[in-house]
Amino acid sequence: MKRPLLTLPLLLLASCGIVAPARDNAQWQTSPHNVPVTWRATSPGGLGRIKVGNVLGYASWFRMGTNCVVDVDLAQSRAQLARVAAHEYAHCAQAPDPRAVAASVVTPPERLTR
C-alpha cells in the first residue's frame, strides 16, 4: 500500500521542470586584470529607463562578494557595446576587493616594503 502512495508524489516531481530565465541562459565570466566579472545579456530594453535615456548596462557588486555582475543590453551597436562594457567594467575594477582589504589589515606595513 505504501508503494502506490509513494509513486504518486514521485510522478508529480518528475513531471516538474525548472527553466532558467532568459538572462541566466546568456551569461559568461571573465577575469580581466584579476577582477572576476559575470556578464549577463538582457533582452532588448530589459534594463529599463533612467531619467535621461536608456540604460544600456548595469554593474552590481555585493559587499562581501568577490565577483561583480554586469548586465548588458545587447541591442546596441558594436561601438556602443564596447564603450558600455568598458564603462561597467570600470565600476567593477573600482569596487574594493574584500580579500585585498583583509590582506592589508593582516600584513604589517613593514613587511610590505623591502
N, C-alpha and C. Protein backbone atom coordinates (compact mmCIF):
# COMPACT_ATOMS: atom_id res chain seq x y z
N MET A 1 0.82 -1.20 0.00
CA MET A 1 0.00 0.00 0.00
C MET A 1 0.86 1.27 0.00
N LYS A 2 2.01 1.21 0.67
CA LYS A 2 2.87 2.39 0.73
C LYS A 2 3.50 2.69 -0.62
N ARG A 3 3.76 1.66 -1.39
CA ARG A 3 4.43 1.87 -2.67
C ARG A 3 3.58 2.71 -3.63
N PRO A 4 2.28 2.47 -3.83
CA PRO A 4 1.49 3.33 -4.71
C PRO A 4 1.39 4.77 -4.19
N LEU A 5 1.34 4.95 -2.88
CA LEU A 5 1.27 6.30 -2.33
C LEU A 5 2.58 7.06 -2.55
N LEU A 6 3.68 6.36 -2.53
CA LEU A 6 4.97 6.98 -2.77
C LEU A 6 5.18 7.28 -4.25
N THR A 7 4.59 6.49 -5.10
CA THR A 7 4.75 6.66 -6.54
C THR A 7 4.11 7.94 -7.04
N LEU A 8 2.97 8.30 -6.48
CA LEU A 8 2.26 9.49 -6.93
C LEU A 8 3.08 10.78 -6.75
N PRO A 9 3.66 11.06 -5.57
CA PRO A 9 4.49 12.27 -5.45
C PRO A 9 5.73 12.23 -6.35
N LEU A 10 6.29 11.04 -6.55
CA LEU A 10 7.46 10.94 -7.42
C LEU A 10 7.10 11.26 -8.86
N LEU A 11 5.94 10.83 -9.30
CA LEU A 11 5.50 11.16 -10.66
C LEU A 11 5.26 12.66 -10.81
N LEU A 12 4.69 13.27 -9.79
CA LEU A 12 4.47 14.72 -9.85
C LEU A 12 5.79 15.48 -9.89
N LEU A 13 6.75 15.06 -9.10
CA LEU A 13 8.05 15.72 -9.11
C LEU A 13 8.79 15.50 -10.42
N ALA A 14 8.65 14.32 -10.99
CA ALA A 14 9.33 14.02 -12.25
C ALA A 14 8.75 14.84 -13.39
N SER A 15 7.49 15.21 -13.30
CA SER A 15 6.88 15.98 -14.38
C SER A 15 7.19 17.48 -14.28
N CYS A 16 7.71 17.92 -13.14
CA CYS A 16 8.06 19.33 -12.99
C CYS A 16 9.36 19.62 -13.72
N GLY A 17 9.43 20.78 -14.27
CA GLY A 17 10.66 21.20 -14.93
C GLY A 17 11.04 22.58 -14.46
N ILE A 18 12.30 22.78 -14.23
CA ILE A 18 12.79 24.09 -13.83
C ILE A 18 13.46 24.71 -15.03
N VAL A 19 12.99 25.86 -15.43
CA VAL A 19 13.53 26.55 -16.59
C VAL A 19 14.19 27.83 -16.12
N ALA A 20 15.43 28.00 -16.50
CA ALA A 20 16.16 29.22 -16.12
C ALA A 20 15.63 30.40 -16.93
N PRO A 21 15.58 31.58 -16.33
CA PRO A 21 15.18 32.76 -17.09
C PRO A 21 16.14 33.01 -18.25
N ALA A 22 15.66 33.75 -19.23
CA ALA A 22 16.48 34.00 -20.43
C ALA A 22 17.79 34.68 -20.08
N ARG A 23 17.80 35.53 -19.07
CA ARG A 23 19.02 36.23 -18.68
C ARG A 23 20.08 35.24 -18.22
N ASP A 24 19.68 34.21 -17.47
CA ASP A 24 20.64 33.24 -16.96
C ASP A 24 21.19 32.33 -18.05
N ASN A 25 20.46 32.17 -19.14
CA ASN A 25 20.94 31.34 -20.24
C ASN A 25 22.06 32.01 -21.01
N ALA A 26 22.11 33.32 -21.00
CA ALA A 26 23.12 34.07 -21.75
C ALA A 26 24.04 34.78 -20.78
N GLN A 27 24.93 34.03 -20.14
CA GLN A 27 25.89 34.66 -19.25
C GLN A 27 27.24 33.98 -19.40
N TRP A 28 28.28 34.73 -19.12
CA TRP A 28 29.63 34.22 -19.22
C TRP A 28 30.49 34.96 -18.22
N GLN A 29 31.66 34.40 -17.92
CA GLN A 29 32.54 35.00 -16.92
C GLN A 29 33.90 35.30 -17.52
N THR A 30 34.47 36.40 -17.09
CA THR A 30 35.84 36.77 -17.46
C THR A 30 36.54 37.29 -16.21
N SER A 31 37.87 37.35 -16.28
CA SER A 31 38.66 37.89 -15.17
C SER A 31 39.78 38.79 -15.68
N PRO A 32 39.43 39.89 -16.36
CA PRO A 32 40.50 40.78 -16.81
C PRO A 32 41.15 41.49 -15.63
N HIS A 33 42.47 41.51 -15.62
CA HIS A 33 43.26 42.14 -14.54
C HIS A 33 42.87 41.58 -13.18
N ASN A 34 42.58 40.27 -13.13
CA ASN A 34 42.23 39.56 -11.89
C ASN A 34 40.99 40.12 -11.20
N VAL A 35 40.09 40.69 -11.96
CA VAL A 35 38.80 41.15 -11.43
C VAL A 35 37.72 40.24 -12.01
N PRO A 36 37.17 39.32 -11.21
CA PRO A 36 36.16 38.41 -11.76
C PRO A 36 34.85 39.14 -12.07
N VAL A 37 34.38 38.97 -13.28
CA VAL A 37 33.15 39.63 -13.73
C VAL A 37 32.25 38.59 -14.38
N THR A 38 30.99 38.57 -13.96
CA THR A 38 29.98 37.75 -14.63
C THR A 38 29.15 38.68 -15.50
N TRP A 39 29.17 38.43 -16.79
CA TRP A 39 28.42 39.25 -17.75
C TRP A 39 27.12 38.54 -18.05
N ARG A 40 26.02 39.29 -18.07
CA ARG A 40 24.72 38.72 -18.41
C ARG A 40 24.07 39.56 -19.49
N ALA A 41 23.63 38.89 -20.53
CA ALA A 41 22.92 39.57 -21.62
C ALA A 41 21.45 39.69 -21.25
N THR A 42 20.88 40.85 -21.43
CA THR A 42 19.47 41.06 -21.13
C THR A 42 18.69 41.19 -22.44
N SER A 43 17.41 41.09 -22.33
CA SER A 43 16.57 41.29 -23.51
C SER A 43 16.63 42.76 -23.91
N PRO A 44 16.41 43.07 -25.20
CA PRO A 44 16.48 44.47 -25.64
C PRO A 44 15.55 45.36 -24.83
N GLY A 45 16.11 46.40 -24.23
CA GLY A 45 15.33 47.31 -23.40
C GLY A 45 15.00 46.76 -22.04
N GLY A 46 15.57 45.61 -21.67
CA GLY A 46 15.24 44.95 -20.41
C GLY A 46 15.75 45.65 -19.18
N LEU A 47 16.68 46.56 -19.32
CA LEU A 47 17.21 47.27 -18.16
C LEU A 47 16.40 48.50 -17.80
N GLY A 48 15.41 48.82 -18.60
CA GLY A 48 14.53 49.94 -18.28
C GLY A 48 15.10 51.27 -18.70
N ARG A 49 14.54 52.29 -18.15
CA ARG A 49 14.95 53.65 -18.49
C ARG A 49 15.30 54.43 -17.23
N ILE A 50 16.27 55.31 -17.36
CA ILE A 50 16.60 56.26 -16.30
C ILE A 50 16.13 57.62 -16.78
N LYS A 51 16.25 58.63 -15.96
CA LYS A 51 15.68 59.95 -16.26
C LYS A 51 16.01 60.46 -17.66
N VAL A 52 17.28 60.35 -18.08
CA VAL A 52 17.68 60.98 -19.34
C VAL A 52 17.54 60.06 -20.53
N GLY A 53 17.97 58.82 -20.44
CA GLY A 53 17.95 57.94 -21.60
C GLY A 53 17.89 56.48 -21.23
N ASN A 54 18.13 55.64 -22.21
CA ASN A 54 18.09 54.20 -21.99
C ASN A 54 19.28 53.75 -21.14
N VAL A 55 19.05 52.74 -20.34
CA VAL A 55 20.12 52.11 -19.58
C VAL A 55 20.65 50.98 -20.44
N LEU A 56 21.92 51.05 -20.82
CA LEU A 56 22.50 50.03 -21.69
C LEU A 56 23.34 49.03 -20.93
N GLY A 57 23.71 49.35 -19.69
CA GLY A 57 24.49 48.44 -18.87
C GLY A 57 24.32 48.78 -17.40
N TYR A 58 24.52 47.78 -16.55
CA TYR A 58 24.37 48.00 -15.11
C TYR A 58 25.32 47.05 -14.38
N ALA A 59 26.13 47.57 -13.49
CA ALA A 59 27.08 46.76 -12.72
C ALA A 59 26.61 46.64 -11.28
N SER A 60 26.70 45.43 -10.73
CA SER A 60 26.34 45.17 -9.34
C SER A 60 27.52 44.51 -8.66
N TRP A 61 27.87 45.01 -7.50
CA TRP A 61 28.93 44.41 -6.71
C TRP A 61 28.40 44.27 -5.31
N PHE A 62 28.50 43.07 -4.76
CA PHE A 62 27.97 42.82 -3.43
C PHE A 62 29.08 42.95 -2.40
N ARG A 63 28.76 43.53 -1.28
CA ARG A 63 29.74 43.94 -0.28
C ARG A 63 30.74 42.85 0.09
N MET A 64 30.31 41.68 0.40
CA MET A 64 31.24 40.61 0.79
C MET A 64 31.55 39.67 -0.37
N GLY A 65 31.08 39.98 -1.53
CA GLY A 65 31.35 39.12 -2.68
C GLY A 65 32.68 39.45 -3.31
N THR A 66 33.18 38.53 -4.09
CA THR A 66 34.42 38.76 -4.81
C THR A 66 34.16 38.75 -6.30
N ASN A 67 32.90 38.88 -6.68
CA ASN A 67 32.54 38.84 -8.09
C ASN A 67 31.60 39.99 -8.39
N CYS A 68 31.81 40.60 -9.52
CA CYS A 68 30.97 41.69 -9.98
C CYS A 68 30.04 41.15 -11.07
N VAL A 69 28.80 41.57 -11.07
CA VAL A 69 27.83 41.12 -12.07
C VAL A 69 27.46 42.32 -12.93
N VAL A 70 27.60 42.17 -14.25
CA VAL A 70 27.29 43.25 -15.19
C VAL A 70 26.18 42.78 -16.12
N ASP A 71 25.09 43.52 -16.14
CA ASP A 71 24.00 43.27 -17.09
C ASP A 71 24.21 44.21 -18.28
N VAL A 72 24.17 43.64 -19.49
CA VAL A 72 24.41 44.43 -20.69
C VAL A 72 23.26 44.20 -21.67
N ASP A 73 22.74 45.30 -22.21
CA ASP A 73 21.70 45.23 -23.24
C ASP A 73 22.41 45.07 -24.59
N LEU A 74 22.24 43.92 -25.22
CA LEU A 74 22.96 43.63 -26.47
C LEU A 74 22.32 44.26 -27.69
N ALA A 75 21.21 44.97 -27.53
CA ALA A 75 20.54 45.60 -28.67
C ALA A 75 21.13 46.98 -28.92
N GLN A 76 22.42 47.05 -29.10
CA GLN A 76 23.10 48.31 -29.37
C GLN A 76 24.21 48.03 -30.38
N SER A 77 24.74 49.07 -30.94
CA SER A 77 25.79 48.90 -31.95
C SER A 77 27.06 48.35 -31.30
N ARG A 78 27.95 47.79 -32.11
CA ARG A 78 29.19 47.23 -31.58
C ARG A 78 30.03 48.29 -30.86
N ALA A 79 30.09 49.47 -31.44
CA ALA A 79 30.88 50.54 -30.81
C ALA A 79 30.28 50.92 -29.46
N GLN A 80 28.97 51.03 -29.41
CA GLN A 80 28.30 51.35 -28.14
C GLN A 80 28.50 50.23 -27.14
N LEU A 81 28.40 49.00 -27.59
CA LEU A 81 28.55 47.85 -26.70
C LEU A 81 29.94 47.84 -26.07
N ALA A 82 30.97 48.10 -26.86
CA ALA A 82 32.33 48.13 -26.32
C ALA A 82 32.49 49.27 -25.31
N ARG A 83 31.91 50.42 -25.60
CA ARG A 83 32.01 51.56 -24.69
C ARG A 83 31.28 51.28 -23.37
N VAL A 84 30.08 50.72 -23.48
CA VAL A 84 29.29 50.42 -22.27
C VAL A 84 29.97 49.33 -21.46
N ALA A 85 30.49 48.29 -22.12
CA ALA A 85 31.18 47.22 -21.40
C ALA A 85 32.40 47.75 -20.67
N ALA A 86 33.17 48.62 -21.31
CA ALA A 86 34.34 49.21 -20.65
C ALA A 86 33.92 50.08 -19.47
N HIS A 87 32.85 50.82 -19.62
CA HIS A 87 32.36 51.68 -18.55
C HIS A 87 31.93 50.84 -17.34
N GLU A 88 31.15 49.79 -17.60
CA GLU A 88 30.67 48.95 -16.50
C GLU A 88 31.81 48.17 -15.86
N TYR A 89 32.79 47.74 -16.67
CA TYR A 89 33.95 47.05 -16.10
C TYR A 89 34.72 47.99 -15.17
N ALA A 90 34.79 49.26 -15.50
CA ALA A 90 35.47 50.23 -14.64
C ALA A 90 34.82 50.29 -13.26
N HIS A 91 33.50 50.17 -13.22
CA HIS A 91 32.83 50.12 -11.91
C HIS A 91 33.29 48.90 -11.13
N CYS A 92 33.41 47.77 -11.81
CA CYS A 92 33.85 46.54 -11.13
C CYS A 92 35.30 46.67 -10.66
N ALA A 93 36.15 47.25 -11.48
CA ALA A 93 37.56 47.39 -11.13
C ALA A 93 37.76 48.35 -9.96
N GLN A 94 36.87 49.32 -9.81
CA GLN A 94 36.99 50.29 -8.72
C GLN A 94 36.40 49.77 -7.42
N ALA A 95 35.58 48.74 -7.48
CA ALA A 95 34.97 48.20 -6.26
C ALA A 95 36.06 47.54 -5.43
N PRO A 96 36.08 47.78 -4.12
CA PRO A 96 37.13 47.19 -3.29
C PRO A 96 36.96 45.69 -3.17
N ASP A 97 38.07 44.99 -3.22
CA ASP A 97 38.08 43.54 -3.07
C ASP A 97 38.26 43.23 -1.59
N PRO A 98 37.31 42.52 -0.96
CA PRO A 98 37.44 42.24 0.47
C PRO A 98 38.70 41.45 0.80
N ARG A 99 39.19 40.62 -0.14
CA ARG A 99 40.42 39.87 0.12
C ARG A 99 41.61 40.82 0.23
N ALA A 100 41.63 41.86 -0.60
CA ALA A 100 42.73 42.83 -0.56
C ALA A 100 42.69 43.63 0.74
N VAL A 101 41.50 43.99 1.18
CA VAL A 101 41.36 44.74 2.44
C VAL A 101 41.82 43.88 3.60
N ALA A 102 41.42 42.60 3.62
CA ALA A 102 41.83 41.70 4.69
C ALA A 102 43.34 41.50 4.68
N ALA A 103 43.94 41.38 3.51
CA ALA A 103 45.39 41.18 3.42
C ALA A 103 46.14 42.41 3.92
N SER A 104 45.63 43.59 3.64
CA SER A 104 46.33 44.80 4.09
C SER A 104 46.20 44.98 5.60
N VAL A 105 45.13 44.46 6.19
CA VAL A 105 44.95 44.56 7.64
C VAL A 105 45.85 43.54 8.34
N VAL A 106 45.95 42.34 7.80
CA VAL A 106 46.72 41.27 8.45
C VAL A 106 48.22 41.49 8.28
N THR A 107 48.65 41.95 7.12
CA THR A 107 50.07 42.11 6.85
C THR A 107 50.57 43.43 7.41
N PRO A 108 51.56 43.40 8.30
CA PRO A 108 52.10 44.66 8.83
C PRO A 108 52.78 45.45 7.72
N PRO A 109 52.74 46.78 7.78
CA PRO A 109 53.31 47.62 6.73
C PRO A 109 54.81 47.39 6.51
N GLU A 110 55.55 47.07 7.58
CA GLU A 110 57.00 46.89 7.41
C GLU A 110 57.32 45.66 6.55
N ARG A 111 56.41 44.70 6.48
CA ARG A 111 56.64 43.53 5.64
C ARG A 111 56.34 43.81 4.17
N LEU A 112 55.59 44.85 3.90
CA LEU A 112 55.26 45.18 2.52
C LEU A 112 56.40 45.89 1.82
N THR A 113 57.29 46.53 2.58
CA THR A 113 58.42 47.23 1.97
C THR A 113 59.67 46.38 2.11
N ARG A 114 60.60 46.57 1.20
CA ARG A 114 61.84 45.77 1.26
C ARG A 114 62.94 46.55 1.89
